[in-house]
Amino acid sequence: MNDEIDLRCLDEDYVVVRMSDRWPYYEPGSDVDILVRDMTYAAAVMAGTLRRTHDVDIHRLEHCVHVDIVVRGSLHLRYDFVERPPYPWYISPSFTRDCIARGCIRLGARVPDIADECLLRAWEWKYHVGGPRESAKAKHRLWAAQHWSAKASGRWIKYCLDLSQRSC
């Protein structure tokens, strides 16, 4: 089996969240988080493409859709489609649309620009503060701190701070 991630079937309507250092390669059993406008549609397109050559399972959850490549009964790779960052605080619904529109191609996949990547990584770290995975997620805080800019600060205010909601 080719251990490379291929997202060409998604056209340009996605960004990979927190691209791994090994991209486009992956370790069997791992996952790739993908921010999309319509998770049901994106998952159907991906599943249809993968079914030509793989056994595929689809799992629909409240905040995401998983498309799993299964090999000999075990998870080989999970595509995790989300329409918005899955955190319990308010993030403007326009973030997904804007993040995808600003995305750029790197290593054959569409990724967020640096400022949006900072937000995504900071939110990921913040979500796990005080929990059992906090130390494993500290790398995201460090990455965001190293790349933070005035543009990222402006976007934090634009997408997070809404006094009518519980803000991040």
C-alpha atoms as a PDB file:
ATOM      1  CA  MET A   1       0.000   0.000   0.000  1.00  0.00           C
ATOM      2  CA  ASN A   2       1.189   3.506  -0.842  1.00  0.00           C
ATOM      3  CA  ASP A   3       1.585   5.394   2.450  1.00  0.00           C
ATOM      4  CA  GLU A   4       1.046   8.847   0.922  1.00  0.00           C
ATOM      5  CA  ILE A   5      -1.938  11.107   1.526  1.00  0.00           C
ATOM      6  CA  ASP A   6      -3.642  12.304  -1.658  1.00  0.00           C
ATOM      7  CA  LEU A   7      -6.299  15.023  -1.428  1.00  0.00           C
ATOM      8  CA  ARG A   8      -6.631  15.920  -5.123  1.00  0.00           C
ATOM      9  CA  CYS A   9     -10.263  14.749  -5.214  1.00  0.00           C
ATOM     10  CA  LEU A  10     -11.193  17.624  -2.864  1.00  0.00           C
ATOM     11  CA  ASP A  11     -10.195  20.287  -5.427  1.00  0.00           C
ATOM     12  CA  GLU A  12      -9.517  23.538  -3.548  1.00  0.00           C
ATOM     13  CA  ASP A  13     -12.334  23.472  -0.988  1.00  0.00           C
ATOM     14  CA  TYR A  14     -10.263  22.423   2.059  1.00  0.00           C
ATOM     15  CA  VAL A  15      -7.174  23.083   4.158  1.00  0.00           C
ATOM     16  CA  VAL A  16      -5.125  20.534   6.066  1.00  0.00           C
ATOM     17  CA  VAL A  17      -5.014  21.447   9.745  1.00  0.00           C
ATOM     18  CA  ARG A  18      -1.600  21.024  11.400  1.00  0.00           C
ATOM     19  CA  MET A  19       0.188  19.271   8.536  1.00  0.00           C
ATOM     20  CA  SER A  20       2.646  16.700   9.868  1.00  0.00           C
ATOM     21  CA  ASP A  21       6.389  17.045   9.375  1.00  0.00           C
ATOM     22  CA  ARG A  22       6.341  13.849   7.275  1.00  0.00           C
ATOM     23  CA  TRP A  23       3.675  15.062   4.799  1.00  0.00           C
ATOM     24  CA  PRO A  24       2.534  13.538   2.447  1.00  0.00           C
ATOM     25  CA  TYR A  25       3.655  10.339   4.158  1.00  0.00           C
ATOM     26  CA  TYR A  26       1.969   8.974   7.245  1.00  0.00           C
ATOM     27  CA  GLU A  27       2.281   6.255   9.821  1.00  0.00           C
ATOM     28  CA  PRO A  28      -0.387   3.539   9.649  1.00  0.00           C
ATOM     29  CA  GLY A  29      -3.025   4.257  12.296  1.00  0.00           C
ATOM     30  CA  SER A  30      -2.655   8.030  12.061  1.00  0.00           C
ATOM     31  CA  ASP A  31      -5.143  10.678  10.983  1.00  0.00           C
ATOM     32  CA  VAL A  32      -5.251  13.876   8.965  1.00  0.00           C
ATOM     33  CA  ASP A  33      -7.516  16.727  10.082  1.00  0.00           C
ATOM     34  CA  ILE A  34      -9.157  18.593   7.214  1.00  0.00           C
ATOM     35  CA  LEU A  35     -11.164  21.812   7.503  1.00  0.00           C
ATOM     36  CA  VAL A  36     -13.887  21.920   4.818  1.00  0.00           C
ATOM     37  CA  ARG A  37     -16.986  23.961   3.974  1.00  0.00           C
ATOM     38  CA  ASP A  38     -19.251  20.893   3.868  1.00  0.00           C
ATOM     39  CA  MET A  39     -18.017  17.843   5.786  1.00  0.00           C
ATOM     40  CA  THR A  40     -20.747  15.521   4.489  1.00  0.00           C
ATOM     41  CA  TYR A  41     -19.976  16.345   0.857  1.00  0.00           C
ATOM     42  CA  ALA A  42     -16.182  16.226   1.303  1.00  0.00           C
ATOM     43  CA  ALA A  43     -16.398  12.874   3.114  1.00  0.00           C
ATOM     44  CA  ALA A  44     -18.619  11.437   0.355  1.00  0.00           C
ATOM     45  CA  VAL A  45     -16.163  12.572  -2.346  1.00  0.00           C
ATOM     46  CA  MET A  46     -13.189  11.145  -0.449  1.00  0.00           C
ATOM     47  CA  ALA A  47     -14.959   7.867   0.351  1.00  0.00           C
ATOM     48  CA  GLY A  48     -16.032   7.476  -3.287  1.00  0.00           C
ATOM     49  CA  THR A  49     -12.459   7.987  -4.459  1.00  0.00           C
ATOM     50  CA  LEU A  50     -10.928   5.670  -1.853  1.00  0.00           C
ATOM     51  CA  ARG A  51     -13.449   2.860  -2.397  1.00  0.00           C
ATOM     52  CA  ARG A  52     -11.937   2.243  -5.829  1.00  0.00           C
ATOM     53  CA  THR A  53      -8.857   0.764  -4.149  1.00  0.00           C
ATOM     54  CA  HIS A  54      -9.498   0.395  -0.396  1.00  0.00           C
ATOM     55  CA  ASP A  55     -11.942  -0.854   2.205  1.00  0.00           C
ATOM     56  CA  VAL A  56     -13.500   2.258   3.712  1.00  0.00           C
ATOM     57  CA  ASP A  57     -15.625   2.949   6.807  1.00  0.00           C
ATOM     58  CA  ILE A  58     -17.504   6.206   7.391  1.00  0.00           C
ATOM     59  CA  HIS A  59     -18.380   7.455  10.874  1.00  0.00           C
ATOM     60  CA  ARG A  60     -20.596  10.523  11.273  1.00  0.00           C
ATOM     61  CA  LEU A  61     -20.301  12.371  14.568  1.00  0.00           C
ATOM     62  CA  GLU A  62     -21.867  15.652  15.669  1.00  0.00           C
ATOM     63  CA  HIS A  63     -18.806  17.776  14.903  1.00  0.00           C
ATOM     64  CA  CYS A  64     -17.004  15.717  12.242  1.00  0.00           C
ATOM     65  CA  VAL A  65     -17.107  12.911   9.703  1.00  0.00           C
ATOM     66  CA  HIS A  66     -14.377  10.249   9.709  1.00  0.00           C
ATOM     67  CA  VAL A  67     -13.467   8.412   6.530  1.00  0.00           C
ATOM     68  CA  ASP A  68     -11.275   5.475   7.516  1.00  0.00           C
ATOM     69  CA  ILE A  69      -9.103   3.297   5.324  1.00  0.00           C
ATOM     70  CA  VAL A  70      -9.267  -0.148   6.896  1.00  0.00           C
ATOM     71  CA  VAL A  71      -6.637  -2.822   6.266  1.00  0.00           C
ATOM     72  CA  ARG A  72      -7.198  -6.341   7.603  1.00  0.00           C
ATOM     73  CA  GLY A  73      -9.762  -5.012  10.067  1.00  0.00           C
ATOM     74  CA  SER A  74      -7.539  -2.249  11.500  1.00  0.00           C
ATOM     75  CA  LEU A  75      -7.506   1.488  10.985  1.00  0.00           C
ATOM     76  CA  HIS A  76      -4.817   2.370   8.462  1.00  0.00           C
ATOM     77  CA  LEU A  77      -5.557   6.087   7.940  1.00  0.00           C
ATOM     78  CA  ARG A  78      -8.350   8.377   9.121  1.00  0.00           C
ATOM     79  CA  TYR A  79      -9.472  11.452   7.208  1.00  0.00           C
ATOM     80  CA  ASP A  80     -11.160  13.653   9.828  1.00  0.00           C
ATOM     81  CA  PHE A  81     -13.409  16.257   8.145  1.00  0.00           C
ATOM     82  CA  VAL A  82     -14.621  19.256  10.179  1.00  0.00           C
ATOM     83  CA  GLU A  83     -16.557  22.368   9.167  1.00  0.00           C
ATOM     84  CA  ARG A  84     -15.293  24.473  12.043  1.00  0.00           C
ATOM     85  CA  PRO A  85     -12.643  24.077  14.693  1.00  0.00           C
ATOM     86  CA  PRO A  86     -14.268  21.707  17.237  1.00  0.00           C
ATOM     87  CA  TYR A  87     -13.674  23.671  20.412  1.00  0.00           C
ATOM     88  CA  PRO A  88     -16.279  24.527  23.061  1.00  0.00           C
ATOM     89  CA  TRP A  89     -15.964  28.284  22.699  1.00  0.00           C
ATOM     90  CA  TYR A  90     -17.225  30.706  20.114  1.00  0.00           C
ATOM     91  CA  ILE A  91     -15.328  30.928  16.806  1.00  0.00           C
ATOM     92  CA  SER A  92     -17.012  32.932  14.078  1.00  0.00           C
ATOM     93  CA  PRO A  93     -18.621  30.765  11.365  1.00  0.00           C
ATOM     94  CA  SER A  94     -16.820  32.906   8.771  1.00  0.00           C
ATOM     95  CA  PHE A  95     -13.446  31.530   9.906  1.00  0.00           C
ATOM     96  CA  THR A  96     -13.736  28.330   7.839  1.00  0.00           C
ATOM     97  CA  ARG A  97     -14.709  30.156   4.646  1.00  0.00           C
ATOM     98  CA  ASP A  98     -11.979  32.764   5.061  1.00  0.00           C
ATOM     99  CA  CYS A  99      -9.299  30.259   6.091  1.00  0.00           C
ATOM    100  CA  ILE A 100      -9.964  28.082   3.038  1.00  0.00           C
ATOM    101  CA  ALA A 101     -10.012  31.110   0.718  1.00  0.00           C
ATOM    102  CA  ARG A 102      -6.618  32.263   2.036  1.00  0.00           C
ATOM    103  CA  GLY A 103      -5.106  28.778   1.836  1.00  0.00           C
ATOM    104  CA  CYS A 104      -2.094  28.021  -0.320  1.00  0.00           C
ATOM    105  CA  ILE A 105      -0.539  24.886  -1.774  1.00  0.00           C
ATOM    106  CA  ARG A 106       2.400  23.359   0.095  1.00  0.00           C
ATOM    107  CA  LEU A 107       3.796  19.897  -0.607  1.00  0.00           C
ATOM    108  CA  GLY A 108       0.836  19.117  -2.878  1.00  0.00           C
ATOM    109  CA  ALA A 109      -1.892  20.001  -0.355  1.00  0.00           C
ATOM    110  CA  ARG A 110      -3.873  23.103   0.499  1.00  0.00           C
ATOM    111  CA  VAL A 111      -2.853  24.536   3.884  1.00  0.00           C
ATOM    112  CA  PRO A 112      -3.852  27.600   5.916  1.00  0.00           C
ATOM    113  CA  ASP A 113      -1.728  30.712   5.633  1.00  0.00           C
ATOM    114  CA  ILE A 114       0.651  31.280   8.552  1.00  0.00           C
ATOM    115  CA  ALA A 115      -1.682  33.564  10.542  1.00  0.00           C
ATOM    116  CA  ASP A 116      -4.583  31.082  10.317  1.00  0.00           C
ATOM    117  CA  GLU A 117      -2.258  28.207  11.191  1.00  0.00           C
ATOM    118  CA  CYS A 118      -1.254  30.159  14.308  1.00  0.00           C
ATOM    119  CA  LEU A 119      -4.901  30.426  15.343  1.00  0.00           C
ATOM    120  CA  LEU A 120      -5.601  26.746  14.694  1.00  0.00           C
ATOM    121  CA  ARG A 121      -2.556  25.625  16.674  1.00  0.00           C
ATOM    122  CA  ALA A 122      -3.220  28.040  19.545  1.00  0.00           C
ATOM    123  CA  TRP A 123      -6.837  26.823  19.776  1.00  0.00           C
ATOM    124  CA  GLU A 124      -5.673  23.192  19.745  1.00  0.00           C
ATOM    125  CA  TRP A 125      -3.249  23.854  22.600  1.00  0.00           C
ATOM    126  CA  LYS A 126      -5.769  25.954  24.584  1.00  0.00           C
ATOM    127  CA  TYR A 127      -8.382  23.208  24.311  1.00  0.00           C
ATOM    128  CA  HIS A 128      -6.051  20.722  26.026  1.00  0.00           C
ATOM    129  CA  VAL A 129      -4.702  22.991  28.807  1.00  0.00           C
ATOM    130  CA  GLY A 130      -5.240  21.285  32.140  1.00  0.00           C
ATOM    131  CA  GLY A 131      -6.021  17.941  30.546  1.00  0.00           C
ATOM    132  CA  PRO A 132      -4.051  14.718  30.103  1.00  0.00           C
ATOM    133  CA  ARG A 133      -2.847  15.697  26.596  1.00  0.00           C
ATOM    134  CA  GLU A 134      -1.592  19.180  27.524  1.00  0.00           C
ATOM    135  CA  SER A 135       2.098  18.238  27.338  1.00  0.00           C
ATOM    136  CA  ALA A 136       1.627  16.504  23.980  1.00  0.00           C
ATOM    137  CA  LYS A 137      -0.081  19.631  22.611  1.00  0.00           C
ATOM    138  CA  ALA A 138       2.529  22.103  23.916  1.00  0.00           C
ATOM    139  CA  LYS A 139       4.281  21.880  20.532  1.00  0.00           C
ATOM    140  CA  HIS A 140       1.337  23.770  19.030  1.00  0.00           C
ATOM    141  CA  ARG A 141       1.698  26.624  21.534  1.00  0.00           C
ATOM    142  CA  LEU A 142       5.411  26.840  20.778  1.00  0.00           C
ATOM    143  CA  TRP A 143       4.815  26.811  17.010  1.00  0.00           C
ATOM    144  CA  ALA A 144       2.170  29.543  17.275  1.00  0.00           C
ATOM    145  CA  ALA A 145       4.409  31.656  19.525  1.00  0.00           C
ATOM    146  CA  GLN A 146       7.295  31.405  17.048  1.00  0.00           C
ATOM    147  CA  HIS A 147       5.106  32.417  14.081  1.00  0.00           C
ATOM    148  CA  TRP A 148       2.666  34.857  15.720  1.00  0.00           C
ATOM    149  CA  SER A 149       2.243  38.232  14.015  1.00  0.00           C
ATOM    150  CA  ALA A 150       0.075  41.336  14.056  1.00  0.00           C
ATOM    151  CA  LYS A 151      -1.987  39.635  11.356  1.00  0.00           C
ATOM    152  CA  ALA A 152      -2.648  36.651  13.656  1.00  0.00           C
ATOM    153  CA  SER A 153      -3.607  39.003  16.499  1.00  0.00           C
ATOM    154  CA  GLY A 154      -6.041  40.828  14.249  1.00  0.00           C
ATOM    155  CA  ARG A 155      -7.629  37.577  13.148  1.00  0.00           C
ATOM    156  CA  TRP A 156      -7.898  36.375  16.771  1.00  0.00           C
ATOM    157  CA  ILE A 157      -9.939  39.481  17.503  1.00  0.00           C
ATOM    158  CA  LYS A 158     -12.016  39.130  14.309  1.00  0.00           C
ATOM    159  CA  TYR A 159     -12.893  35.441  14.724  1.00  0.00           C
ATOM    160  CA  CYS A 160     -12.858  34.948  18.494  1.00  0.00           C
ATOM    161  CA  LEU A 161     -14.006  37.983  20.343  1.00  0.00           C
ATOM    162  CA  ASP A 162     -17.768  38.232  20.217  1.00  0.00           C
ATOM    163  CA  LEU A 163     -19.257  39.554  23.424  1.00  0.00           C
ATOM    164  CA  SER A 164     -22.606  37.922  22.672  1.00  0.00           C
ATOM    165  CA  GLN A 165     -21.018  34.467  22.777  1.00  0.00           C
ATOM    166  CA  ARG A 166     -18.548  32.614  24.954  1.00  0.00           C
ATOM    167  CA  SER A 167     -15.323  33.780  23.334  1.00  0.00           C
ATOM    168  CA  CYS A 168     -11.936  32.141  23.120  1.00  0.00           C
END
